[in-house]
Amino acid sequence: LPHDLDYMGHMNNARYLRECDFARFHYYMRNGIFRTLHSLRAT
């Protein structure tokens, strides 16, 4: 999207890491790891 772009008109390098953050949130929620971490009081 437009807010992902850098001065060269393609995706900003830092945006890749940000997208990876959200993808891991999604991943851990769907496979139950986040729920299990909460049960163990871990992070």
PDB file of all heavy atoms in Angstrom:
ATOM      1  N   LEU A   1       0.832  -1.196   0.000  1.00  0.00           N
ATOM      2  CA  LEU A   1       0.000   0.000   0.000  1.00  0.00           C
ATOM      3  C   LEU A   1       0.875   1.258   0.000  1.00  0.00           C
ATOM      4  O   LEU A   1       2.097   1.172   0.229  1.00  0.00           O
ATOM      5  CB  LEU A   1      -0.923  -0.018   1.216  1.00  0.00           C
ATOM      6  CG  LEU A   1      -1.880  -1.228   1.294  1.00  0.00           C
ATOM      7  CD1 LEU A   1      -2.676  -1.191   2.588  1.00  0.00           C
ATOM      8  CD2 LEU A   1      -2.807  -1.274   0.087  1.00  0.00           C
ATOM      9  N   PRO A   2       0.274   2.426  -0.226  1.00  0.00           N
ATOM     10  CA  PRO A   2       1.087   3.652  -0.286  1.00  0.00           C
ATOM     11  C   PRO A   2       1.941   3.903   0.949  1.00  0.00           C
ATOM     12  O   PRO A   2       3.085   4.365   0.837  1.00  0.00           O
ATOM     13  CB  PRO A   2       0.022   4.751  -0.470  1.00  0.00           C
ATOM     14  CG  PRO A   2      -1.094   4.067  -1.186  1.00  0.00           C
ATOM     15  CD  PRO A   2      -1.130   2.674  -0.635  1.00  0.00           C
ATOM     16  N   HIS A   3       1.417   3.600   2.154  1.00  0.00           N
ATOM     17  CA  HIS A   3       2.206   3.884   3.353  1.00  0.00           C
ATOM     18  C   HIS A   3       3.351   2.881   3.550  1.00  0.00           C
ATOM     19  O   HIS A   3       4.143   3.037   4.481  1.00  0.00           O
ATOM     20  CB  HIS A   3       1.310   3.904   4.602  1.00  0.00           C
ATOM     21  CG  HIS A   3       0.622   2.610   4.887  1.00  0.00           C
ATOM     22  ND1 HIS A   3      -0.661   2.353   4.491  1.00  0.00           N
ATOM     23  CD2 HIS A   3       1.038   1.497   5.539  1.00  0.00           C
ATOM     24  CE1 HIS A   3      -1.004   1.141   4.879  1.00  0.00           C
ATOM     25  NE2 HIS A   3       0.004   0.595   5.511  1.00  0.00           N
ATOM     26  N   ASP A   4       3.431   1.845   2.697  1.00  0.00           N
ATOM     27  CA  ASP A   4       4.526   0.882   2.759  1.00  0.00           C
ATOM     28  C   ASP A   4       5.725   1.304   1.917  1.00  0.00           C
ATOM     29  O   ASP A   4       6.792   0.695   2.019  1.00  0.00           O
ATOM     30  CB  ASP A   4       4.053  -0.499   2.257  1.00  0.00           C
ATOM     31  CG  ASP A   4       2.966  -1.096   3.122  1.00  0.00           C
ATOM     32  OD1 ASP A   4       3.042  -0.947   4.356  1.00  0.00           O
ATOM     33  OD2 ASP A   4       2.038  -1.721   2.557  1.00  0.00           O
ATOM     34  N   LEU A   5       5.554   2.318   1.072  1.00  0.00           N
ATOM     35  CA  LEU A   5       6.569   2.655   0.080  1.00  0.00           C
ATOM     36  C   LEU A   5       7.703   3.496   0.657  1.00  0.00           C
ATOM     37  O   LEU A   5       7.524   4.261   1.607  1.00  0.00           O
ATOM     38  CB  LEU A   5       5.922   3.413  -1.084  1.00  0.00           C
ATOM     39  CG  LEU A   5       4.798   2.698  -1.824  1.00  0.00           C
ATOM     40  CD1 LEU A   5       4.231   3.603  -2.903  1.00  0.00           C
ATOM     41  CD2 LEU A   5       5.286   1.380  -2.415  1.00  0.00           C
ATOM     42  N   ASP A   6       8.881   3.336   0.044  1.00  0.00           N
ATOM     43  CA  ASP A   6      10.003   4.207   0.372  1.00  0.00           C
ATOM     44  C   ASP A   6      10.234   5.168  -0.795  1.00  0.00           C
ATOM     45  O   ASP A   6       9.398   5.275  -1.703  1.00  0.00           O
ATOM     46  CB  ASP A   6      11.262   3.378   0.681  1.00  0.00           C
ATOM     47  CG  ASP A   6      11.710   2.514  -0.494  1.00  0.00           C
ATOM     48  OD1 ASP A   6      11.206   2.720  -1.619  1.00  0.00           O
ATOM     49  OD2 ASP A   6      12.554   1.637  -0.300  1.00  0.00           O
ATOM     50  N   TYR A   7      11.359   5.866  -0.779  1.00  0.00           N
ATOM     51  CA  TYR A   7      11.624   6.868  -1.809  1.00  0.00           C
ATOM     52  C   TYR A   7      11.826   6.264  -3.195  1.00  0.00           C
ATOM     53  O   TYR A   7      11.721   6.965  -4.201  1.00  0.00           O
ATOM     54  CB  TYR A   7      12.854   7.694  -1.430  1.00  0.00           C
ATOM     55  CG  TYR A   7      12.647   8.570  -0.219  1.00  0.00           C
ATOM     56  CD1 TYR A   7      13.293   8.293   0.979  1.00  0.00           C
ATOM     57  CD2 TYR A   7      11.795   9.673  -0.274  1.00  0.00           C
ATOM     58  CE1 TYR A   7      13.104   9.094   2.096  1.00  0.00           C
ATOM     59  CE2 TYR A   7      11.595  10.475   0.839  1.00  0.00           C
ATOM     60  CZ  TYR A   7      12.256  10.174   2.021  1.00  0.00           C
ATOM     61  OH  TYR A   7      12.053  10.957   3.115  1.00  0.00           O
ATOM     62  N   MET A   8      12.097   4.977  -3.256  1.00  0.00           N
ATOM     63  CA  MET A   8      12.320   4.331  -4.548  1.00  0.00           C
ATOM     64  C   MET A   8      11.045   3.706  -5.105  1.00  0.00           C
ATOM     65  O   MET A   8      11.060   3.080  -6.166  1.00  0.00           O
ATOM     66  CB  MET A   8      13.409   3.260  -4.411  1.00  0.00           C
ATOM     67  CG  MET A   8      14.759   3.819  -3.985  1.00  0.00           C
ATOM     68  SD  MET A   8      16.061   2.563  -3.969  1.00  0.00           S
ATOM     69  CE  MET A   8      16.212   2.221  -5.720  1.00  0.00           C
ATOM     70  N   GLY A   9       9.942   3.874  -4.393  1.00  0.00           N
ATOM     71  CA  GLY A   9       8.664   3.425  -4.907  1.00  0.00           C
ATOM     72  C   GLY A   9       8.346   1.956  -4.696  1.00  0.00           C
ATOM     73  O   GLY A   9       7.377   1.460  -5.251  1.00  0.00           O
ATOM     74  N   HIS A  10       9.169   1.268  -3.897  1.00  0.00           N
ATOM     75  CA  HIS A  10       8.824  -0.114  -3.574  1.00  0.00           C
ATOM     76  C   HIS A  10       8.721  -0.256  -2.048  1.00  0.00           C
ATOM     77  O   HIS A  10       8.935   0.692  -1.307  1.00  0.00           O
ATOM     78  CB  HIS A  10       9.833  -1.112  -4.171  1.00  0.00           C
ATOM     79  CG  HIS A  10      11.258  -0.838  -3.811  1.00  0.00           C
ATOM     80  ND1 HIS A  10      12.294  -0.956  -4.705  1.00  0.00           N
ATOM     81  CD2 HIS A  10      11.826  -0.459  -2.639  1.00  0.00           C
ATOM     82  CE1 HIS A  10      13.431  -0.670  -4.109  1.00  0.00           C
ATOM     83  NE2 HIS A  10      13.173  -0.366  -2.855  1.00  0.00           N
ATOM     84  N   MET A  11       8.408  -1.447  -1.590  1.00  0.00           N
ATOM     85  CA  MET A  11       8.145  -1.661  -0.166  1.00  0.00           C
ATOM     86  C   MET A  11       9.383  -1.366   0.670  1.00  0.00           C
ATOM     87  O   MET A  11      10.481  -1.875   0.406  1.00  0.00           O
ATOM     88  CB  MET A  11       7.683  -3.111   0.059  1.00  0.00           C
ATOM     89  CG  MET A  11       7.174  -3.382   1.466  1.00  0.00           C
ATOM     90  SD  MET A  11       6.216  -4.914   1.491  1.00  0.00           S
ATOM     91  CE  MET A  11       6.028  -5.169   3.241  1.00  0.00           C
ATOM     92  N   ASN A  12       9.188  -0.542   1.696  1.00  0.00           N
ATOM     93  CA  ASN A  12      10.254  -0.162   2.604  1.00  0.00           C
ATOM     94  C   ASN A  12      10.818  -1.391   3.307  1.00  0.00           C
ATOM     95  O   ASN A  12      10.079  -2.273   3.732  1.00  0.00           O
ATOM     96  CB  ASN A  12       9.680   0.823   3.640  1.00  0.00           C
ATOM     97  CG  ASN A  12      10.746   1.437   4.508  1.00  0.00           C
ATOM     98  OD1 ASN A  12      11.673   0.770   4.935  1.00  0.00           O
ATOM     99  ND2 ASN A  12      10.598   2.722   4.791  1.00  0.00           N
ATOM    100  N   ASN A  13      12.140  -1.448   3.446  1.00  0.00           N
ATOM    101  CA  ASN A  13      12.771  -2.606   4.076  1.00  0.00           C
ATOM    102  C   ASN A  13      12.208  -2.889   5.472  1.00  0.00           C
ATOM    103  O   ASN A  13      12.023  -4.048   5.856  1.00  0.00           O
ATOM    104  CB  ASN A  13      14.288  -2.395   4.179  1.00  0.00           C
ATOM    105  CG  ASN A  13      14.956  -2.357   2.828  1.00  0.00           C
ATOM    106  OD1 ASN A  13      14.380  -2.795   1.833  1.00  0.00           O
ATOM    107  ND2 ASN A  13      16.170  -1.833   2.770  1.00  0.00           N
ATOM    108  N   ALA A  14      11.953  -1.827   6.241  1.00  0.00           N
ATOM    109  CA  ALA A  14      11.448  -2.011   7.596  1.00  0.00           C
ATOM    110  C   ALA A  14      10.040  -2.581   7.613  1.00  0.00           C
ATOM    111  O   ALA A  14       9.635  -3.234   8.588  1.00  0.00           O
ATOM    112  CB  ALA A  14      11.480  -0.681   8.348  1.00  0.00           C
ATOM    113  N   ARG A  15       9.271  -2.357   6.561  1.00  0.00           N
ATOM    114  CA  ARG A  15       7.887  -2.844   6.514  1.00  0.00           C
ATOM    115  C   ARG A  15       7.838  -4.371   6.462  1.00  0.00           C
ATOM    116  O   ARG A  15       6.862  -4.969   6.921  1.00  0.00           O
ATOM    117  CB  ARG A  15       7.163  -2.261   5.304  1.00  0.00           C
ATOM    118  CG  ARG A  15       6.746  -0.820   5.493  1.00  0.00           C
ATOM    119  CD  ARG A  15       5.602  -0.710   6.480  1.00  0.00           C
ATOM    120  NE  ARG A  15       5.227   0.671   6.700  1.00  0.00           N
ATOM    121  CZ  ARG A  15       4.193   1.054   7.434  1.00  0.00           C
ATOM    122  NH1 ARG A  15       3.439   0.155   8.019  1.00  0.00           N
ATOM    123  NH2 ARG A  15       3.928   2.332   7.601  1.00  0.00           N
ATOM    124  N   TYR A  16       8.855  -4.988   5.895  1.00  0.00           N
ATOM    125  CA  TYR A  16       8.888  -6.446   5.861  1.00  0.00           C
ATOM    126  C   TYR A  16       8.871  -7.007   7.288  1.00  0.00           C
ATOM    127  O   TYR A  16       8.140  -7.955   7.590  1.00  0.00           O
ATOM    128  CB  TYR A  16      10.139  -6.938   5.138  1.00  0.00           C
ATOM    129  CG  TYR A  16      10.135  -6.724   3.643  1.00  0.00           C
ATOM    130  CD1 TYR A  16      10.520  -5.506   3.085  1.00  0.00           C
ATOM    131  CD2 TYR A  16       9.768  -7.757   2.780  1.00  0.00           C
ATOM    132  CE1 TYR A  16      10.536  -5.318   1.714  1.00  0.00           C
ATOM    133  CE2 TYR A  16       9.786  -7.581   1.402  1.00  0.00           C
ATOM    134  CZ  TYR A  16      10.167  -6.348   0.883  1.00  0.00           C
ATOM    135  OH  TYR A  16      10.193  -6.162  -0.482  1.00  0.00           O
ATOM    136  N   LEU A  17       9.685  -6.430   8.160  1.00  0.00           N
ATOM    137  CA  LEU A  17       9.750  -6.902   9.543  1.00  0.00           C
ATOM    138  C   LEU A  17       8.437  -6.659  10.273  1.00  0.00           C
ATOM    139  O   LEU A  17       7.991  -7.476  11.088  1.00  0.00           O
ATOM    140  CB  LEU A  17      10.898  -6.204  10.282  1.00  0.00           C
ATOM    141  CG  LEU A  17      12.289  -6.396   9.679  1.00  0.00           C
ATOM    142  CD1 LEU A  17      13.333  -5.647  10.498  1.00  0.00           C
ATOM    143  CD2 LEU A  17      12.642  -7.865   9.580  1.00  0.00           C
ATOM    144  N   ARG A  18       7.805  -5.528   9.985  1.00  0.00           N
ATOM    145  CA  ARG A  18       6.511  -5.211  10.601  1.00  0.00           C
ATOM    146  C   ARG A  18       5.451  -6.231  10.167  1.00  0.00           C
ATOM    147  O   ARG A  18       4.673  -6.717  10.996  1.00  0.00           O
ATOM    148  CB  ARG A  18       6.102  -3.793  10.201  1.00  0.00           C
ATOM    149  CG  ARG A  18       4.889  -3.227  10.924  1.00  0.00           C
ATOM    150  CD  ARG A  18       4.591  -1.850  10.368  1.00  0.00           C
ATOM    151  NE  ARG A  18       3.481  -1.188  11.001  1.00  0.00           N
ATOM    152  CZ  ARG A  18       3.581  -0.212  11.897  1.00  0.00           C
ATOM    153  NH1 ARG A  18       4.768   0.176  12.294  1.00  0.00           N
ATOM    154  NH2 ARG A  18       2.516   0.367  12.402  1.00  0.00           N
ATOM    155  N   GLU A  19       5.426  -6.536   8.874  1.00  0.00           N
ATOM    156  CA  GLU A  19       4.475  -7.535   8.389  1.00  0.00           C
ATOM    157  C   GLU A  19       4.749  -8.904   9.011  1.00  0.00           C
ATOM    158  O   GLU A  19       3.817  -9.658   9.298  1.00  0.00           O
ATOM    159  CB  GLU A  19       4.555  -7.630   6.860  1.00  0.00           C
ATOM    160  CG  GLU A  19       4.040  -6.401   6.125  1.00  0.00           C
ATOM    161  CD  GLU A  19       2.569  -6.142   6.424  1.00  0.00           C
ATOM    162  OE1 GLU A  19       1.765  -7.096   6.393  1.00  0.00           O
ATOM    163  OE2 GLU A  19       2.229  -4.966   6.689  1.00  0.00           O
ATOM    164  N   CYS A  20       6.011  -9.233   9.215  1.00  0.00           N
ATOM    165  CA  CYS A  20       6.351 -10.502   9.861  1.00  0.00           C
ATOM    166  C   CYS A  20       5.823 -10.562  11.284  1.00  0.00           C
ATOM    167  O   CYS A  20       5.380 -11.623  11.747  1.00  0.00           O
ATOM    168  CB  CYS A  20       7.862 -10.707   9.847  1.00  0.00           C
ATOM    169  SG  CYS A  20       8.543 -11.178   8.233  1.00  0.00           S
ATOM    170  N   ASP A  21       5.870  -9.447  11.995  1.00  0.00           N
ATOM    171  CA  ASP A  21       5.302  -9.381  13.349  1.00  0.00           C
ATOM    172  C   ASP A  21       3.841  -9.812  13.342  1.00  0.00           C
ATOM    173  O   ASP A  21       3.422 -10.680  14.114  1.00  0.00           O
ATOM    174  CB  ASP A  21       5.410  -7.950  13.902  1.00  0.00           C
ATOM    175  CG  ASP A  21       6.691  -7.711  14.674  1.00  0.00           C
ATOM    176  OD1 ASP A  21       7.449  -8.670  14.861  1.00  0.00           O
ATOM    177  OD2 ASP A  21       6.926  -6.566  15.078  1.00  0.00           O
ATOM    178  N   PHE A  22       3.055  -9.181  12.480  1.00  0.00           N
ATOM    179  CA  PHE A  22       1.619  -9.462  12.444  1.00  0.00           C
ATOM    180  C   PHE A  22       1.343 -10.887  11.971  1.00  0.00           C
ATOM    181  O   PHE A  22       0.413 -11.538  12.454  1.00  0.00           O
ATOM    182  CB  PHE A  22       0.908  -8.445  11.548  1.00  0.00           C
ATOM    183  CG  PHE A  22       0.955  -7.049  12.076  1.00  0.00           C
ATOM    184  CD1 PHE A  22       1.466  -6.017  11.300  1.00  0.00           C
ATOM    185  CD2 PHE A  22       0.504  -6.756  13.353  1.00  0.00           C
ATOM    186  CE1 PHE A  22       1.511  -4.714  11.789  1.00  0.00           C
ATOM    187  CE2 PHE A  22       0.551  -5.458  13.851  1.00  0.00           C
ATOM    188  CZ  PHE A  22       1.054  -4.440  13.064  1.00  0.00           C
ATOM    189  N   ALA A  23       2.149 -11.391  11.051  1.00  0.00           N
ATOM    190  CA  ALA A  23       1.968 -12.765  10.580  1.00  0.00           C
ATOM    191  C   ALA A  23       2.245 -13.764  11.697  1.00  0.00           C
ATOM    192  O   ALA A  23       1.568 -14.794  11.802  1.00  0.00           O
ATOM    193  CB  ALA A  23       2.878 -13.038   9.381  1.00  0.00           C
ATOM    194  N   ARG A  24       3.221 -13.463  12.555  1.00  0.00           N
ATOM    195  CA  ARG A  24       3.491 -14.356  13.696  1.00  0.00           C
ATOM    196  C   ARG A  24       2.359 -14.295  14.714  1.00  0.00           C
ATOM    197  O   ARG A  24       2.003 -15.319  15.314  1.00  0.00           O
ATOM    198  CB  ARG A  24       4.834 -14.017  14.349  1.00  0.00           C
ATOM    199  CG  ARG A  24       6.040 -14.404  13.505  1.00  0.00           C
ATOM    200  CD  ARG A  24       7.322 -14.415  14.338  1.00  0.00           C
ATOM    201  NE  ARG A  24       7.567 -13.149  15.002  1.00  0.00           N
ATOM    202  CZ  ARG A  24       8.186 -12.124  14.449  1.00  0.00           C
ATOM    203  NH1 ARG A  24       8.626 -12.200  13.198  1.00  0.00           N
ATOM    204  NH2 ARG A  24       8.385 -10.996  15.123  1.00  0.00           N
ATOM    205  N   PHE A  25       1.799 -13.104  14.958  1.00  0.00           N
ATOM    206  CA  PHE A  25       0.629 -13.005  15.842  1.00  0.00           C
ATOM    207  C   PHE A  25      -0.472 -13.939  15.350  1.00  0.00           C
ATOM    208  O   PHE A  25      -1.041 -14.721  16.115  1.00  0.00           O
ATOM    209  CB  PHE A  25       0.078 -11.567  15.865  1.00  0.00           C
ATOM    210  CG  PHE A  25       0.994 -10.544  16.469  1.00  0.00           C
ATOM    211  CD1 PHE A  25       0.771  -9.188  16.250  1.00  0.00           C
ATOM    212  CD2 PHE A  25       2.069 -10.914  17.249  1.00  0.00           C
ATOM    213  CE1 PHE A  25       1.610  -8.229  16.794  1.00  0.00           C
ATOM    214  CE2 PHE A  25       2.915  -9.969  17.804  1.00  0.00           C
ATOM    215  CZ  PHE A  25       2.683  -8.630  17.573  1.00  0.00           C
ATOM    216  N   HIS A  26      -0.758 -13.826  14.064  1.00  0.00           N
ATOM    217  CA  HIS A  26      -1.803 -14.640  13.430  1.00  0.00           C
ATOM    218  C   HIS A  26      -1.469 -16.130  13.554  1.00  0.00           C
ATOM    219  O   HIS A  26      -2.337 -16.954  13.897  1.00  0.00           O
ATOM    220  CB  HIS A  26      -1.915 -14.218  11.964  1.00  0.00           C
ATOM    221  CG  HIS A  26      -3.020 -14.860  11.216  1.00  0.00           C
ATOM    222  ND1 HIS A  26      -2.884 -16.092  10.597  1.00  0.00           N
ATOM    223  CD2 HIS A  26      -4.301 -14.467  10.975  1.00  0.00           C
ATOM    224  CE1 HIS A  26      -4.013 -16.425  10.013  1.00  0.00           C
ATOM    225  NE2 HIS A  26      -4.892 -15.454  10.217  1.00  0.00           N
ATOM    226  N   TYR A  27      -0.233 -16.465  13.299  1.00  0.00           N
ATOM    227  CA  TYR A  27       0.221 -17.856  13.334  1.00  0.00           C
ATOM    228  C   TYR A  27       0.058 -18.466  14.727  1.00  0.00           C
ATOM    229  O   TYR A  27      -0.493 -19.569  14.876  1.00  0.00           O
ATOM    230  CB  TYR A  27       1.684 -17.885  12.891  1.00  0.00           C
ATOM    231  CG  TYR A  27       2.340 -19.237  12.887  1.00  0.00           C
ATOM    232  CD1 TYR A  27       2.135 -20.120  11.831  1.00  0.00           C
ATOM    233  CD2 TYR A  27       3.189 -19.620  13.916  1.00  0.00           C
ATOM    234  CE1 TYR A  27       2.760 -21.363  11.807  1.00  0.00           C
ATOM    235  CE2 TYR A  27       3.821 -20.860  13.903  1.00  0.00           C
ATOM    236  CZ  TYR A  27       3.600 -21.718  12.855  1.00  0.00           C
ATOM    237  OH  TYR A  27       4.218 -22.950  12.843  1.00  0.00           O
ATOM    238  N   TYR A  28       0.535 -17.753  15.744  1.00  0.00           N
ATOM    239  CA  TYR A  28       0.489 -18.289  17.108  1.00  0.00           C
ATOM    240  C   TYR A  28      -0.937 -18.337  17.665  1.00  0.00           C
ATOM    241  O   TYR A  28      -1.234 -19.178  18.512  1.00  0.00           O
ATOM    242  CB  TYR A  28       1.367 -17.455  18.034  1.00  0.00           C
ATOM    243  CG  TYR A  28       2.841 -17.526  17.709  1.00  0.00           C
ATOM    244  CD1 TYR A  28       3.636 -16.381  17.718  1.00  0.00           C
ATOM    245  CD2 TYR A  28       3.452 -18.740  17.403  1.00  0.00           C
ATOM    246  CE1 TYR A  28       4.981 -16.441  17.429  1.00  0.00           C
ATOM    247  CE2 TYR A  28       4.803 -18.808  17.108  1.00  0.00           C
ATOM    248  CZ  TYR A  28       5.560 -17.656  17.122  1.00  0.00           C
ATOM    249  OH  TYR A  28       6.900 -17.719  16.833  1.00  0.00           O
ATOM    250  N   MET A  29      -1.798 -17.456  17.220  1.00  0.00           N
ATOM    251  CA  MET A  29      -3.174 -17.492  17.687  1.00  0.00           C
ATOM    252  C   MET A  29      -3.925 -18.683  17.090  1.00  0.00           C
ATOM    253  O   MET A  29      -4.670 -19.374  17.783  1.00  0.00           O
ATOM    254  CB  MET A  29      -3.899 -16.192  17.344  1.00  0.00           C
ATOM    255  CG  MET A  29      -3.471 -15.004  18.182  1.00  0.00           C
ATOM    256  SD  MET A  29      -4.627 -13.640  18.080  1.00  0.00           S
ATOM    257  CE  MET A  29      -6.086 -14.315  18.874  1.00  0.00           C
ATOM    258  N   ARG A  30      -3.705 -18.948  15.826  1.00  0.00           N
ATOM    259  CA  ARG A  30      -4.465 -20.022  15.171  1.00  0.00           C
ATOM    260  C   ARG A  30      -3.982 -21.420  15.570  1.00  0.00           C
ATOM    261  O   ARG A  30      -4.781 -22.354  15.631  1.00  0.00           O
ATOM    262  CB  ARG A  30      -4.402 -19.866  13.658  1.00  0.00           C
ATOM    263  CG  ARG A  30      -5.172 -18.647  13.141  1.00  0.00           C
ATOM    264  CD  ARG A  30      -5.390 -18.732  11.651  1.00  0.00           C
ATOM    265  NE  ARG A  30      -6.267 -19.843  11.290  1.00  0.00           N
ATOM    266  CZ  ARG A  30      -6.419 -20.295  10.044  1.00  0.00           C
ATOM    267  NH1 ARG A  30      -5.750 -19.720   9.058  1.00  0.00           N
ATOM    268  NH2 ARG A  30      -7.217 -21.298   9.788  1.00  0.00           N
ATOM    269  N   ASN A  31      -2.680 -21.577  15.834  1.00  0.00           N
ATOM    270  CA  ASN A  31      -2.219 -22.914  16.207  1.00  0.00           C
ATOM    271  C   ASN A  31      -2.215 -23.145  17.720  1.00  0.00           C
ATOM    272  O   ASN A  31      -1.829 -24.219  18.191  1.00  0.00           O
ATOM    273  CB  ASN A  31      -0.837 -23.222  15.617  1.00  0.00           C
ATOM    274  CG  ASN A  31       0.270 -22.339  16.160  1.00  0.00           C
ATOM    275  OD1 ASN A  31       0.127 -21.656  17.164  1.00  0.00           O
ATOM    276  ND2 ASN A  31       1.411 -22.359  15.477  1.00  0.00           N
ATOM    277  N   GLY A  32      -2.653 -22.136  18.489  1.00  0.00           N
ATOM    278  CA  GLY A  32      -2.838 -22.324  19.923  1.00  0.00           C
ATOM    279  C   GLY A  32      -1.641 -22.031  20.795  1.00  0.00           C
ATOM    280  O   GLY A  32      -1.718 -22.166  22.019  1.00  0.00           O
ATOM    281  N   ILE A  33      -0.524 -21.609  20.216  1.00  0.00           N
ATOM    282  CA  ILE A  33       0.670 -21.360  21.027  1.00  0.00           C
ATOM    283  C   ILE A  33       0.471 -20.187  21.978  1.00  0.00           C
ATOM    284  O   ILE A  33       0.885 -20.235  23.147  1.00  0.00           O
ATOM    285  CB  ILE A  33       1.905 -21.147  20.119  1.00  0.00           C
ATOM    286  CG1 ILE A  33       2.335 -22.491  19.533  1.00  0.00           C
ATOM    287  CG2 ILE A  33       3.056 -20.517  20.900  1.00  0.00           C
ATOM    288  CD1 ILE A  33       3.591 -22.433  18.687  1.00  0.00           C
ATOM    289  N   PHE A  34      -0.194 -19.118  21.523  1.00  0.00           N
ATOM    290  CA  PHE A  34      -0.450 -17.991  22.409  1.00  0.00           C
ATOM    291  C   PHE A  34      -1.295 -18.422  23.609  1.00  0.00           C
ATOM    292  O   PHE A  34      -1.038 -18.030  24.753  1.00  0.00           O
ATOM    293  CB  PHE A  34      -1.172 -16.867  21.655  1.00  0.00           C
ATOM    294  CG  PHE A  34      -0.231 -15.835  21.074  1.00  0.00           C
ATOM    295  CD1 PHE A  34      -0.673 -14.956  20.080  1.00  0.00           C
ATOM    296  CD2 PHE A  34       1.075 -15.713  21.506  1.00  0.00           C
ATOM    297  CE1 PHE A  34       0.183 -14.007  19.548  1.00  0.00           C
ATOM    298  CE2 PHE A  34       1.933 -14.773  20.974  1.00  0.00           C
ATOM    299  CZ  PHE A  34       1.481 -13.920  19.988  1.00  0.00           C
ATOM    300  N   ARG A  35      -2.317 -19.222  23.356  1.00  0.00           N
ATOM    301  CA  ARG A  35      -3.174 -19.695  24.435  1.00  0.00           C
ATOM    302  C   ARG A  35      -2.385 -20.548  25.438  1.00  0.00           C
ATOM    303  O   ARG A  35      -2.552 -20.425  26.651  1.00  0.00           O
ATOM    304  CB  ARG A  35      -4.335 -20.508  23.852  1.00  0.00           C
ATOM    305  CG  ARG A  35      -5.341 -20.992  24.883  1.00  0.00           C
ATOM    306  CD  ARG A  35      -6.471 -21.758  24.251  1.00  0.00           C
ATOM    307  NE  ARG A  35      -6.038 -23.011  23.638  1.00  0.00           N
ATOM    308  CZ  ARG A  35      -5.930 -23.223  22.345  1.00  0.00           C
ATOM    309  NH1 ARG A  35      -6.213 -22.261  21.476  1.00  0.00           N
ATOM    310  NH2 ARG A  35      -5.533 -24.398  21.880  1.00  0.00           N
ATOM    311  N   THR A  36      -1.501 -21.378  24.920  1.00  0.00           N
ATOM    312  CA  THR A  36      -0.686 -22.229  25.782  1.00  0.00           C
ATOM    313  C   THR A  36       0.307 -21.405  26.585  1.00  0.00           C
ATOM    314  O   THR A  36       0.548 -21.688  27.769  1.00  0.00           O
ATOM    315  CB  THR A  36       0.053 -23.280  24.925  1.00  0.00           C
ATOM    316  OG1 THR A  36      -0.889 -23.965  24.101  1.00  0.00           O
ATOM    317  CG2 THR A  36       0.769 -24.273  25.802  1.00  0.00           C
ATOM    318  N   LEU A  37       0.899 -20.402  25.960  1.00  0.00           N
ATOM    319  CA  LEU A  37       1.794 -19.499  26.697  1.00  0.00           C
ATOM    320  C   LEU A  37       1.073 -18.865  27.872  1.00  0.00           C
ATOM    321  O   LEU A  37       1.624 -18.761  28.988  1.00  0.00           O
ATOM    322  CB  LEU A  37       2.326 -18.415  25.756  1.00  0.00           C
ATOM    323  CG  LEU A  37       3.411 -18.815  24.758  1.00  0.00           C
ATOM    324  CD1 LEU A  37       3.621 -17.702  23.740  1.00  0.00           C
ATOM    325  CD2 LEU A  37       4.714 -19.137  25.459  1.00  0.00           C
ATOM    326  N   HIS A  38      -0.161 -18.418  27.641  1.00  0.00           N
ATOM    327  CA  HIS A  38      -0.951 -17.803  28.704  1.00  0.00           C
ATOM    328  C   HIS A  38      -1.196 -18.795  29.838  1.00  0.00           C
ATOM    329  O   HIS A  38      -1.103 -18.437  31.025  1.00  0.00           O
ATOM    330  CB  HIS A  38      -2.271 -17.290  28.142  1.00  0.00           C
ATOM    331  CG  HIS A  38      -3.151 -16.627  29.161  1.00  0.00           C
ATOM    332  ND1 HIS A  38      -2.873 -15.378  29.687  1.00  0.00           N
ATOM    333  CD2 HIS A  38      -4.303 -17.055  29.769  1.00  0.00           C
ATOM    334  CE1 HIS A  38      -3.809 -15.064  30.561  1.00  0.00           C
ATOM    335  NE2 HIS A  38      -4.688 -16.057  30.626  1.00  0.00           N
ATOM    336  N   SER A  39      -1.486 -20.043  29.479  1.00  0.00           N
ATOM    337  CA  SER A  39      -1.737 -21.063  30.504  1.00  0.00           C
ATOM    338  C   SER A  39      -0.501 -21.305  31.364  1.00  0.00           C
ATOM    339  O   SER A  39      -0.606 -21.573  32.566  1.00  0.00           O
ATOM    340  CB  SER A  39      -2.175 -22.374  29.836  1.00  0.00           C
ATOM    341  OG  SER A  39      -3.359 -22.203  29.100  1.00  0.00           O
ATOM    342  N   LEU A  40       0.671 -21.225  30.754  1.00  0.00           N
ATOM    343  CA  LEU A  40       1.927 -21.452  31.464  1.00  0.00           C
ATOM    344  C   LEU A  40       2.492 -20.172  32.080  1.00  0.00           C
ATOM    345  O   LEU A  40       3.557 -20.216  32.696  1.00  0.00           O
ATOM    346  CB  LEU A  40       2.961 -22.043  30.507  1.00  0.00           C
ATOM    347  CG  LEU A  40       2.661 -23.446  29.956  1.00  0.00           C
ATOM    348  CD1 LEU A  40       3.656 -23.809  28.862  1.00  0.00           C
ATOM    349  CD2 LEU A  40       2.719 -24.471  31.082  1.00  0.00           C
ATOM    350  N   ARG A  41       1.784 -19.057  31.891  1.00  0.00           N
ATOM    351  CA  ARG A  41       2.270 -17.744  32.343  1.00  0.00           C
ATOM    352  C   ARG A  41       3.649 -17.453  31.764  1.00  0.00           C
ATOM    353  O   ARG A  41       4.524 -16.889  32.434  1.00  0.00           O
ATOM    354  CB  ARG A  41       2.293 -17.680  33.873  1.00  0.00           C
ATOM    355  CG  ARG A  41       0.921 -17.811  34.504  1.00  0.00           C
ATOM    356  CD  ARG A  41       0.955 -17.637  35.990  1.00  0.00           C
ATOM    357  NE  ARG A  41      -0.387 -17.721  36.562  1.00  0.00           N
ATOM    358  CZ  ARG A  41      -0.659 -17.610  37.869  1.00  0.00           C
ATOM    359  NH1 ARG A  41       0.332 -17.396  38.727  1.00  0.00           N
ATOM    360  NH2 ARG A  41      -1.902 -17.711  38.298  1.00  0.00           N
ATOM    361  N   ALA A  42       3.813 -17.833  30.526  1.00  0.00           N
ATOM    362  CA  ALA A  42       5.071 -17.611  29.823  1.00  0.00           C
ATOM    363  C   ALA A  42       4.851 -16.585  28.718  1.00  0.00           C
ATOM    364  O   ALA A  42       3.731 -16.162  28.443  1.00  0.00           O
ATOM    365  CB  ALA A  42       5.581 -18.926  29.241  1.00  0.00           C
ATOM    366  N   THR A  43       5.929 -16.200  28.085  1.00  0.00           N
ATOM    367  CA  THR A  43       5.850 -15.271  26.951  1.00  0.00           C
ATOM    368  C   THR A  43       7.043 -15.523  26.034  1.00  0.00           C
ATOM    369  O   THR A  43       7.917 -16.339  26.353  1.00  0.00           O
ATOM    370  CB  THR A  43       5.838 -13.811  27.430  1.00  0.00           C
ATOM    371  OG1 THR A  43       5.570 -12.937  26.327  1.00  0.00           O
ATOM    372  CG2 THR A  43       7.172 -13.418  28.054  1.00  0.00           C
TER     373      THR A  43
END
